[in-house]
Amino acid sequence: MLEFPPLNPTKLARLKAEIALIPSRHREDALQEAWVAHLEGTDEIAAAKTYAKAEFRHEQRRPEAGSVNMDRLRPDEIADVL
């Protein structure tokens, strides 16, 4: 179970709703970002959203290993794929 930072009920409900929208593989890390923001005194919800958006962009840029035909690539192109 995820442990949320101590927030007022309204903000806690908003943070839980935001975390629920994040893919499950990133929820724990997004919550850690929210904790760091809480300890720094910054916006916990914005921190979780920023982390989730960054991970989404990272996944979109990264080619899937199964979608690249490694036999057709030149050796100098392989480094770009990996």
Protein backbone atom coordinates (compact mmCIF):
# COMPACT_ATOMS: atom_id res chain seq x y z
CA MET A 1 0.00 0.00 0.00
CA LEU A 2 1.21 3.47 -0.86
CA GLU A 3 1.89 5.88 1.99
CA PHE A 4 0.86 9.43 1.18
CA PRO A 5 2.34 12.58 2.74
CA PRO A 6 0.32 14.23 5.50
CA LEU A 7 -1.80 16.77 3.62
CA ASN A 8 -5.11 18.47 4.20
CA PRO A 9 -8.03 16.27 3.08
CA THR A 10 -8.76 18.23 -0.10
CA LYS A 11 -5.17 18.20 -1.33
CA LEU A 12 -4.76 14.54 -0.33
CA ALA A 13 -7.84 13.61 -2.39
CA ARG A 14 -6.42 15.51 -5.39
CA LEU A 15 -3.03 13.79 -5.02
CA LYS A 16 -4.68 10.35 -4.79
CA ALA A 17 -6.72 11.10 -7.91
CA GLU A 18 -3.60 12.19 -9.78
CA ILE A 19 -1.63 9.11 -8.68
CA ALA A 20 -4.51 6.89 -9.82
CA LEU A 21 -4.15 8.30 -13.36
CA ILE A 22 -0.45 7.37 -13.53
CA PRO A 23 0.39 3.93 -14.97
CA SER A 24 0.91 1.42 -12.16
CA ARG A 25 4.56 0.83 -13.06
CA HIS A 26 5.30 4.50 -12.22
CA ARG A 27 2.99 5.15 -9.27
CA GLU A 28 5.45 4.40 -6.50
CA ASP A 29 8.13 6.63 -8.05
CA ALA A 30 5.61 9.43 -8.62
CA LEU A 31 4.58 9.19 -4.99
CA GLN A 32 8.23 9.41 -3.95
CA GLU A 33 8.49 12.59 -5.99
CA ALA A 34 5.43 13.89 -4.17
CA TRP A 35 7.08 13.11 -0.83
CA VAL A 36 10.25 14.96 -1.84
CA ALA A 37 8.17 17.95 -2.90
CA HIS A 38 6.31 17.83 0.42
CA LEU A 39 9.58 17.83 2.35
CA GLU A 40 10.90 20.70 0.21
CA GLY A 41 7.71 22.67 0.70
CA THR A 42 6.71 22.65 -2.97
CA ASP A 43 3.56 21.40 -4.71
CA GLU A 44 3.22 17.63 -4.32
CA ILE A 45 0.65 17.25 -7.09
CA ALA A 46 2.76 19.16 -9.60
CA ALA A 47 5.78 17.02 -8.72
CA ALA A 48 3.86 13.78 -9.33
CA LYS A 49 2.48 15.11 -12.63
CA THR A 50 5.89 16.32 -13.78
CA TYR A 51 7.46 12.94 -13.03
CA ALA A 52 4.70 11.06 -14.87
CA LYS A 53 4.95 13.32 -17.92
CA ALA A 54 8.73 12.94 -18.04
CA GLU A 55 8.45 9.15 -17.88
CA PHE A 56 5.80 9.16 -20.61
CA ARG A 57 8.02 11.29 -22.87
CA HIS A 58 10.99 9.03 -22.14
CA GLU A 59 9.00 5.93 -23.10
CA GLN A 60 7.76 7.58 -26.29
CA ARG A 61 11.30 8.41 -27.42
CA ARG A 62 12.68 4.96 -26.64
CA PRO A 63 12.19 2.48 -29.48
CA GLU A 64 10.79 -0.89 -28.55
CA ALA A 65 13.37 -3.66 -28.87
CA GLY A 66 10.92 -5.90 -30.71
CA SER A 67 10.03 -3.28 -33.30
CA VAL A 68 13.55 -2.88 -34.70
CA ASN A 69 14.95 -5.41 -37.11
CA MET A 70 18.56 -5.60 -35.90
CA ASP A 71 19.64 -7.63 -38.96
CA ARG A 72 18.92 -4.72 -41.28
CA LEU A 73 20.85 -2.10 -39.29
CA ARG A 74 24.42 -1.10 -39.96
CA PRO A 75 26.79 -1.40 -36.96
CA ASP A 76 26.90 2.39 -36.53
CA GLU A 77 23.09 2.51 -36.31
CA ILE A 78 22.84 -0.14 -33.59
CA ALA A 79 24.21 2.23 -30.92
CA ASP A 80 21.44 4.70 -31.75
CA VAL A 81 18.75 2.05 -31.22
CA LEU A 82 20.10 0.77 -27.92
